[in-house]
C-alpha atoms as a PDB file:
ATOM      1  CA  UNK A   1     174.402 180.403 142.352  1.00  0.00           C
ATOM      2  CA  UNK A   2     174.354 177.530 139.855  1.00  0.00           C
ATOM      3  CA  UNK A   3     177.580 175.559 139.936  1.00  0.00           C
ATOM      4  CA  UNK A   4     179.300 174.119 136.864  1.00  0.00           C
ATOM      5  CA  UNK A   5     178.457 170.618 138.095  1.00  0.00           C
ATOM      6  CA  UNK A   6     174.772 171.538 138.354  1.00  0.00           C
ATOM      7  CA  UNK A   7     174.933 173.046 134.880  1.00  0.00           C
ATOM      8  CA  UNK A   8     176.473 169.885 133.399  1.00  0.00           C
ATOM      9  CA  UNK A   9     173.974 167.630 135.180  1.00  0.00           C
ATOM     10  CA  UNK A  10     171.137 169.802 133.989  1.00  0.00           C
ATOM     11  CA  UNK A  11     172.375 169.676 130.420  1.00  0.00           C
ATOM     12  CA  UNK A  12     172.764 165.889 130.622  1.00  0.00           C
ATOM     13  CA  UNK A  13     169.202 165.600 131.895  1.00  0.00           C
ATOM     14  CA  UNK A  14     168.002 167.762 129.021  1.00  0.00           C
ATOM     15  CA  UNK A  15     169.787 165.534 126.525  1.00  0.00           C
ATOM     16  CA  UNK A  16     168.283 162.419 128.111  1.00  0.00           C
ATOM     17  CA  UNK A  17     164.809 163.948 127.986  1.00  0.00           C
ATOM     18  CA  UNK A  18     165.175 164.874 124.344  1.00  0.00           C
ATOM     19  CA  UNK A  19     165.072 168.616 125.018  1.00  0.00           C
ATOM     20  CA  UNK A  20     166.880 170.594 122.326  1.00  0.00           C
ATOM     21  CA  UNK A  21     168.109 174.185 122.290  1.00  0.00           C
ATOM     22  CA  UNK A  22     165.988 176.706 120.418  1.00  0.00           C
ATOM     23  CA  UNK A  23     168.918 177.560 118.148  1.00  0.00           C
ATOM     24  CA  UNK A  24     171.797 175.673 116.590  1.00  0.00           C
ATOM     25  CA  UNK A  25     175.406 176.603 116.004  1.00  0.00           C
ATOM     26  CA  UNK A  26     178.579 175.034 114.630  1.00  0.00           C
ATOM     27  CA  UNK A  27     181.877 174.396 116.375  1.00  0.00           C
ATOM     28  CA  UNK A  28     185.305 173.464 115.026  1.00  0.00           C
ATOM     29  CA  UNK A  29     186.772 170.525 116.940  1.00  0.00           C
ATOM     30  CA  UNK A  30     190.373 169.292 116.579  1.00  0.00           C
ATOM     31  CA  UNK A  31     190.671 165.613 117.495  1.00  0.00           C
ATOM     32  CA  UNK A  32     193.663 163.321 118.065  1.00  0.00           C
ATOM     33  CA  UNK A  33     193.555 160.627 115.374  1.00  0.00           C
ATOM     34  CA  UNK A  34     193.254 157.684 117.772  1.00  0.00           C
ATOM     35  CA  UNK A  35     189.796 159.021 118.639  1.00  0.00           C
ATOM     36  CA  UNK A  36     188.581 159.315 115.030  1.00  0.00           C
ATOM     37  CA  UNK A  37     185.752 156.768 114.989  1.00  0.00           C
ATOM     38  CA  UNK A  38     184.300 157.467 118.439  1.00  0.00           C
ATOM     39  CA  UNK A  39     184.492 161.213 117.738  1.00  0.00           C
ATOM     40  CA  UNK A  40     182.473 160.748 114.560  1.00  0.00           C
ATOM     41  CA  UNK A  41     179.810 158.784 116.415  1.00  0.00           C
ATOM     42  CA  UNK A  42     179.723 161.289 119.257  1.00  0.00           C
ATOM     43  CA  UNK A  43     179.422 164.204 116.819  1.00  0.00           C
ATOM     44  CA  UNK A  44     176.460 162.513 115.116  1.00  0.00           C
ATOM     45  CA  UNK A  45     174.757 161.809 118.444  1.00  0.00           C
ATOM     46  CA  UNK A  46     175.508 165.363 119.598  1.00  0.00           C
ATOM     47  CA  UNK A  47     173.846 166.793 116.495  1.00  0.00           C
ATOM     48  CA  UNK A  48     170.791 164.579 116.949  1.00  0.00           C
ATOM     49  CA  UNK A  49     170.484 165.641 120.592  1.00  0.00           C
ATOM     50  CA  UNK A  50     171.192 169.366 120.246  1.00  0.00           C
ATOM     51  CA  UNK A  51     171.024 170.370 116.550  1.00  0.00           C
ATOM     52  CA  UNK A  52     174.513 171.826 117.037  1.00  0.00           C
ATOM     53  CA  UNK A  53     177.120 170.715 114.485  1.00  0.00           C
ATOM     54  CA  UNK A  54     180.621 169.626 115.508  1.00  0.00           C
ATOM     55  CA  UNK A  55     182.944 169.828 112.491  1.00  0.00           C
ATOM     56  CA  UNK A  56     185.894 167.527 113.134  1.00  0.00           C
ATOM     57  CA  UNK A  57     189.521 167.830 112.026  1.00  0.00           C
ATOM     58  CA  UNK A  58     191.983 165.029 112.830  1.00  0.00           C
ATOM     59  CA  UNK A  59     195.729 164.950 113.415  1.00  0.00           C
ATOM     60  CA  UNK A  60     198.358 163.916 115.923  1.00  0.00           C
ATOM     61  CA  UNK A  61     198.232 165.862 119.170  1.00  0.00           C
ATOM     62  CA  UNK A  62     201.562 167.491 118.330  1.00  0.00           C
ATOM     63  CA  UNK A  63     200.450 168.478 114.831  1.00  0.00           C
ATOM     64  CA  UNK A  64     197.240 169.996 116.161  1.00  0.00           C
ATOM     65  CA  UNK A  65     199.055 172.008 118.800  1.00  0.00           C
ATOM     66  CA  UNK A  66     201.444 173.379 116.186  1.00  0.00           C
ATOM     67  CA  UNK A  67     198.439 174.441 114.099  1.00  0.00           C
ATOM     68  CA  UNK A  68     196.836 176.074 117.135  1.00  0.00           C
ATOM     69  CA  UNK A  69     199.979 178.035 117.902  1.00  0.00           C
ATOM     70  CA  UNK A  70     199.916 179.330 114.307  1.00  0.00           C
ATOM     71  CA  UNK A  71     196.334 180.548 114.552  1.00  0.00           C
ATOM     72  CA  UNK A  72     194.220 177.581 113.439  1.00  0.00           C
ATOM     73  CA  UNK A  73     190.594 178.484 114.211  1.00  0.00           C
ATOM     74  CA  UNK A  74     189.722 175.395 116.290  1.00  0.00           C
ATOM     75  CA  UNK A  75     187.391 175.988 119.210  1.00  0.00           C
ATOM     76  CA  UNK A  76     187.702 172.654 121.033  1.00  0.00           C
ATOM     77  CA  UNK A  77     190.784 170.442 121.315  1.00  0.00           C
ATOM     78  CA  UNK A  78     190.538 166.723 122.096  1.00  0.00           C
ATOM     79  CA  UNK A  79     194.131 165.709 122.678  1.00  0.00           C
ATOM     80  CA  UNK A  80     195.604 162.265 123.322  1.00  0.00           C
ATOM     81  CA  UNK A  81     197.534 163.602 126.304  1.00  0.00           C
ATOM     82  CA  UNK A  82     197.198 166.098 129.171  1.00  0.00           C
ATOM     83  CA  UNK A  83     200.385 167.985 128.316  1.00  0.00           C
ATOM     84  CA  UNK A  84     199.261 169.873 125.233  1.00  0.00           C
ATOM     85  CA  UNK A  85     195.910 171.016 126.686  1.00  0.00           C
ATOM     86  CA  UNK A  86     197.857 172.191 129.742  1.00  0.00           C
ATOM     87  CA  UNK A  87     200.282 174.030 127.470  1.00  0.00           C
ATOM     88  CA  UNK A  88     197.368 175.573 125.568  1.00  0.00           C
ATOM     89  CA  UNK A  89     196.058 176.891 128.869  1.00  0.00           C
ATOM     90  CA  UNK A  90     199.475 178.188 129.923  1.00  0.00           C
ATOM     91  CA  UNK A  91     200.059 179.846 126.545  1.00  0.00           C
ATOM     92  CA  UNK A  92     196.731 181.671 126.626  1.00  0.00           C
ATOM     93  CA  UNK A  93     195.123 179.543 123.908  1.00  0.00           C
ATOM     94  CA  UNK A  94     192.814 177.595 126.207  1.00  0.00           C
ATOM     95  CA  UNK A  95     190.176 178.681 128.687  1.00  0.00           C
ATOM     96  CA  UNK A  96     191.443 178.252 132.267  1.00  0.00           C
ATOM     97  CA  UNK A  97     189.886 175.392 134.262  1.00  0.00           C
ATOM     98  CA  UNK A  98     188.067 173.981 131.218  1.00  0.00           C
ATOM     99  CA  UNK A  99     190.388 170.972 130.884  1.00  0.00           C
ATOM    100  CA  UNK A 100     189.161 167.481 131.764  1.00  0.00           C
ATOM    101  CA  UNK A 101     190.008 163.866 130.959  1.00  0.00           C
ATOM    102  CA  UNK A 102     187.504 162.371 128.541  1.00  0.00           C
ATOM    103  CA  UNK A 103     189.130 158.950 127.968  1.00  0.00           C
ATOM    104  CA  UNK A 104     192.024 156.698 128.959  1.00  0.00           C
ATOM    105  CA  UNK A 105     193.620 155.103 125.897  1.00  0.00           C
ATOM    106  CA  UNK A 106     194.971 151.580 125.404  1.00  0.00           C
ATOM    107  CA  UNK A 107     197.559 150.327 122.923  1.00  0.00           C
ATOM    108  CA  UNK A 108     197.658 147.006 121.087  1.00  0.00           C
ATOM    109  CA  UNK A 109     200.468 145.149 119.337  1.00  0.00           C
ATOM    110  CA  UNK A 110     198.683 144.182 116.118  1.00  0.00           C
ATOM    111  CA  UNK A 111     199.434 142.249 112.949  1.00  0.00           C
ATOM    112  CA  UNK A 112     197.302 141.277 109.972  1.00  0.00           C
ATOM    113  CA  UNK A 113     199.068 137.903 110.042  1.00  0.00           C
ATOM    114  CA  UNK A 114     197.232 135.296 112.148  1.00  0.00           C
ATOM    115  CA  UNK A 115     199.439 133.770 114.805  1.00  0.00           C
ATOM    116  CA  UNK A 116     202.310 136.233 114.482  1.00  0.00           C
ATOM    117  CA  UNK A 117     201.491 138.179 117.644  1.00  0.00           C
ATOM    118  CA  UNK A 118     201.089 135.966 120.698  1.00  0.00           C
ATOM    119  CA  UNK A 119     199.087 136.616 123.850  1.00  0.00           C
ATOM    120  CA  UNK A 120     202.064 138.021 125.765  1.00  0.00           C
ATOM    121  CA  UNK A 121     203.946 139.924 123.071  1.00  0.00           C
ATOM    122  CA  UNK A 122     206.857 137.478 123.086  1.00  0.00           C
ATOM    123  CA  UNK A 123     207.202 137.958 119.321  1.00  0.00           C
ATOM    124  CA  UNK A 124     209.046 141.191 120.130  1.00  0.00           C
ATOM    125  CA  UNK A 125     211.991 139.120 121.345  1.00  0.00           C
ATOM    126  CA  UNK A 126     212.113 137.107 118.126  1.00  0.00           C
ATOM    127  CA  UNK A 127     213.416 137.540 114.586  1.00  0.00           C
ATOM    128  CA  UNK A 128     210.028 136.750 113.040  1.00  0.00           C
ATOM    129  CA  UNK A 129     209.511 140.277 111.697  1.00  0.00           C
ATOM    130  CA  UNK A 130     211.480 142.833 109.717  1.00  0.00           C
ATOM    131  CA  UNK A 131     209.583 146.018 110.584  1.00  0.00           C
ATOM    132  CA  UNK A 132     207.550 147.223 113.541  1.00  0.00           C
ATOM    133  CA  UNK A 133     205.487 150.418 113.313  1.00  0.00           C
ATOM    134  CA  UNK A 134     205.003 152.924 116.121  1.00  0.00           C
ATOM    135  CA  UNK A 135     203.704 156.482 116.200  1.00  0.00           C
ATOM    136  CA  UNK A 136     206.316 159.231 116.469  1.00  0.00           C
ATOM    137  CA  UNK A 137     206.787 159.819 120.221  1.00  0.00           C
ATOM    138  CA  UNK A 138     207.529 163.497 119.565  1.00  0.00           C
ATOM    139  CA  UNK A 139     204.047 164.043 118.152  1.00  0.00           C
ATOM    140  CA  UNK A 140     201.835 161.242 119.450  1.00  0.00           C
ATOM    141  CA  UNK A 141     201.333 160.092 123.063  1.00  0.00           C
ATOM    142  CA  UNK A 142     200.610 156.590 121.745  1.00  0.00           C
ATOM    143  CA  UNK A 143     204.169 156.568 120.426  1.00  0.00           C
ATOM    144  CA  UNK A 144     205.495 157.430 123.877  1.00  0.00           C
ATOM    145  CA  UNK A 145     203.502 154.531 125.360  1.00  0.00           C
ATOM    146  CA  UNK A 146     204.885 152.206 122.670  1.00  0.00           C
ATOM    147  CA  UNK A 147     208.515 153.096 123.437  1.00  0.00           C
ATOM    148  CA  UNK A 148     207.881 152.771 127.169  1.00  0.00           C
ATOM    149  CA  UNK A 149     206.434 149.295 126.607  1.00  0.00           C
ATOM    150  CA  UNK A 150     209.408 148.193 124.508  1.00  0.00           C
ATOM    151  CA  UNK A 151     211.818 149.467 127.150  1.00  0.00           C
ATOM    152  CA  UNK A 152     209.888 147.860 129.992  1.00  0.00           C
ATOM    153  CA  UNK A 153     210.045 144.531 128.154  1.00  0.00           C
ATOM    154  CA  UNK A 154     213.787 144.984 127.645  1.00  0.00           C
ATOM    155  CA  UNK A 155     213.606 144.681 123.871  1.00  0.00           C
ATOM    156  CA  UNK A 156     213.931 148.283 122.691  1.00  0.00           C
ATOM    157  CA  UNK A 157     217.612 148.070 121.802  1.00  0.00           C
ATOM    158  CA  UNK A 158     216.995 144.865 119.824  1.00  0.00           C
ATOM    159  CA  UNK A 159     214.118 146.270 117.750  1.00  0.00           C
ATOM    160  CA  UNK A 160     215.013 149.962 117.342  1.00  0.00           C
ATOM    161  CA  UNK A 161     216.706 149.358 113.956  1.00  0.00           C
ATOM    162  CA  UNK A 162     213.450 147.782 112.726  1.00  0.00           C
ATOM    163  CA  UNK A 163     211.151 150.604 113.847  1.00  0.00           C
ATOM    164  CA  UNK A 164     209.228 152.630 111.263  1.00  0.00           C
ATOM    165  CA  UNK A 165     207.515 155.731 112.637  1.00  0.00           C
ATOM    166  CA  UNK A 166     204.156 157.090 111.621  1.00  0.00           C
ATOM    167  CA  UNK A 167     203.493 160.798 111.897  1.00  0.00           C
ATOM    168  CA  UNK A 168     200.282 159.866 113.729  1.00  0.00           C
ATOM    169  CA  UNK A 169     198.646 156.717 115.064  1.00  0.00           C
ATOM    170  CA  UNK A 170     196.538 156.669 111.872  1.00  0.00           C
ATOM    171  CA  UNK A 171     199.613 156.459 109.658  1.00  0.00           C
ATOM    172  CA  UNK A 172     201.054 153.851 112.013  1.00  0.00           C
ATOM    173  CA  UNK A 173     197.977 151.685 111.528  1.00  0.00           C
ATOM    174  CA  UNK A 174     198.232 152.177 107.759  1.00  0.00           C
ATOM    175  CA  UNK A 175     201.811 150.841 107.835  1.00  0.00           C
ATOM    176  CA  UNK A 176     200.546 147.643 109.456  1.00  0.00           C
ATOM    177  CA  UNK A 177     197.351 147.406 107.416  1.00  0.00           C
ATOM    178  CA  UNK A 178     199.191 147.698 104.093  1.00  0.00           C
ATOM    179  CA  UNK A 179     201.989 145.317 105.075  1.00  0.00           C
ATOM    180  CA  UNK A 180     204.712 147.977 105.135  1.00  0.00           C
ATOM    181  CA  UNK A 181     205.374 146.671 108.658  1.00  0.00           C
ATOM    182  CA  UNK A 182     204.465 143.166 109.766  1.00  0.00           C
ATOM    183  CA  UNK A 183     203.262 144.396 113.140  1.00  0.00           C
ATOM    184  CA  UNK A 184     202.903 147.596 115.107  1.00  0.00           C
ATOM    185  CA  UNK A 185     201.612 149.320 118.199  1.00  0.00           C
ATOM    186  CA  UNK A 186     198.239 150.889 117.385  1.00  0.00           C
ATOM    187  CA  UNK A 187     195.279 152.199 119.357  1.00  0.00           C
ATOM    188  CA  UNK A 188     192.831 149.586 120.597  1.00  0.00           C
ATOM    189  CA  UNK A 189     190.032 151.709 119.149  1.00  0.00           C
ATOM    190  CA  UNK A 190     191.471 151.207 115.646  1.00  0.00           C
ATOM    191  CA  UNK A 191     191.258 147.416 115.687  1.00  0.00           C
ATOM    192  CA  UNK A 192     188.513 146.640 118.182  1.00  0.00           C
ATOM    193  CA  UNK A 193     186.013 146.064 115.347  1.00  0.00           C
ATOM    194  CA  UNK A 194     188.458 144.278 113.019  1.00  0.00           C
ATOM    195  CA  UNK A 195     188.237 140.499 112.881  1.00  0.00           C
ATOM    196  CA  UNK A 196     191.209 138.263 112.157  1.00  0.00           C
ATOM    197  CA  UNK A 197     194.907 138.922 112.375  1.00  0.00           C
ATOM    198  CA  UNK A 198     196.646 138.601 115.727  1.00  0.00           C
ATOM    199  CA  UNK A 199     197.018 140.986 118.621  1.00  0.00           C
ATOM    200  CA  UNK A 200     198.180 141.561 122.175  1.00  0.00           C
ATOM    201  CA  UNK A 201     196.371 144.148 124.255  1.00  0.00           C
ATOM    202  CA  UNK A 202     199.220 145.763 126.164  1.00  0.00           C
ATOM    203  CA  UNK A 203     198.639 145.872 129.936  1.00  0.00           C
ATOM    204  CA  UNK A 204     198.062 149.424 131.132  1.00  0.00           C
ATOM    205  CA  UNK A 205     200.847 148.879 133.672  1.00  0.00           C
ATOM    206  CA  UNK A 206     203.408 148.619 130.844  1.00  0.00           C
ATOM    207  CA  UNK A 207     203.413 152.369 130.180  1.00  0.00           C
ATOM    208  CA  UNK A 208     202.355 155.693 131.617  1.00  0.00           C
ATOM    209  CA  UNK A 209     198.580 156.288 131.481  1.00  0.00           C
ATOM    210  CA  UNK A 210     197.337 157.621 128.148  1.00  0.00           C
ATOM    211  CA  UNK A 211     195.321 160.346 129.797  1.00  0.00           C
ATOM    212  CA  UNK A 212     193.373 162.023 126.985  1.00  0.00           C
ATOM    213  CA  UNK A 213     192.234 165.536 127.837  1.00  0.00           C
ATOM    214  CA  UNK A 214     189.895 168.023 126.215  1.00  0.00           C
ATOM    215  CA  UNK A 215     189.965 171.794 126.521  1.00  0.00           C
ATOM    216  CA  UNK A 216     187.814 174.710 125.433  1.00  0.00           C
ATOM    217  CA  UNK A 217     189.892 177.124 123.382  1.00  0.00           C
ATOM    218  CA  UNK A 218     189.516 180.893 123.636  1.00  0.00           C
ATOM    219  CA  UNK A 219     188.268 180.989 120.038  1.00  0.00           C
ATOM    220  CA  UNK A 220     185.229 178.969 121.156  1.00  0.00           C
ATOM    221  CA  UNK A 221     184.601 180.661 124.486  1.00  0.00           C
ATOM    222  CA  UNK A 222     181.573 182.586 123.207  1.00  0.00           C
ATOM    223  CA  UNK A 223     180.246 179.767 121.029  1.00  0.00           C
ATOM    224  CA  UNK A 224     177.425 177.837 122.727  1.00  0.00           C
ATOM    225  CA  UNK A 225     178.049 174.859 120.455  1.00  0.00           C
ATOM    226  CA  UNK A 226     181.653 174.535 121.653  1.00  0.00           C
ATOM    227  CA  UNK A 227     180.645 174.514 125.298  1.00  0.00           C
ATOM    228  CA  UNK A 228     177.740 172.174 124.593  1.00  0.00           C
ATOM    229  CA  UNK A 229     180.022 169.694 122.821  1.00  0.00           C
ATOM    230  CA  UNK A 230     182.358 169.500 125.812  1.00  0.00           C
ATOM    231  CA  UNK A 231     179.381 169.053 128.132  1.00  0.00           C
ATOM    232  CA  UNK A 232     178.020 166.333 125.867  1.00  0.00           C
ATOM    233  CA  UNK A 233     181.321 164.421 126.182  1.00  0.00           C
ATOM    234  CA  UNK A 234     180.449 163.941 129.865  1.00  0.00           C
ATOM    235  CA  UNK A 235     176.995 162.466 129.276  1.00  0.00           C
ATOM    236  CA  UNK A 236     176.142 158.758 129.586  1.00  0.00           C
ATOM    237  CA  UNK A 237     175.461 158.622 125.840  1.00  0.00           C
ATOM    238  CA  UNK A 238     178.991 159.761 124.975  1.00  0.00           C
ATOM    239  CA  UNK A 239     180.516 157.584 127.706  1.00  0.00           C
ATOM    240  CA  UNK A 240     178.841 154.534 126.198  1.00  0.00           C
ATOM    241  CA  UNK A 241     180.387 155.246 122.798  1.00  0.00           C
ATOM    242  CA  UNK A 242     183.807 155.832 124.350  1.00  0.00           C
ATOM    243  CA  UNK A 243     183.701 152.522 126.245  1.00  0.00           C
ATOM    244  CA  UNK A 244     182.543 150.626 123.162  1.00  0.00           C
ATOM    245  CA  UNK A 245     185.794 151.551 121.391  1.00  0.00           C
ATOM    246  CA  UNK A 246     187.930 150.072 124.146  1.00  0.00           C
ATOM    247  CA  UNK A 247     188.715 153.214 126.116  1.00  0.00           C
ATOM    248  CA  UNK A 248     188.457 153.424 129.868  1.00  0.00           C
ATOM    249  CA  UNK A 249     186.844 156.350 131.649  1.00  0.00           C
ATOM    250  CA  UNK A 250     188.533 158.415 134.372  1.00  0.00           C
END
């Protein structure tokens, strides 16, 4: 009997050898917004390797799950946390035992203003800013990590009146990028290729791990493209893209 591990390794070898399936299909993939740019690169590489097309839709993990529970026709879910894929499995939306961690996220305290954010985040204890942006913890795991960091540093009570919340990590970055907030906690992947400004890469020990999980949804169970996309996420080619955007691998 061929095990799942053997199947994945065989598929990875086929990708590496340039072997493509005889047919192509399309799959609908819902992606947490922190993973926007790497997902786009992975989808392009996936299409080049397999001819399958991954059509991407982006939103906060909470927003996507709400859409799923109301019948959104996604076939693959790349969440920013393990909780919502687990809930999808428990609620009968996800295929049992198809969940896996595809990336470990990192947050950054970022400002467009050079010198505002120091190397240890001490600016959070100062009065040098009026607004700080974070993602809504109810919808975005990156928001949870941001609040945990503020509490761990002992500054949450001092800054909470200055917090502006984005509905997703993308909106949070927009608040900082447009100057609506002088600084904010954003995903490392969002700023890793941006020069200038100032930033502090938050130590992973400052918050719970941002364990980003993927799951095959029942709507995609019979779609070879959906299964192939999840398998492709485990290949060295996809891992290289994920690392390049500042994520760690499990």
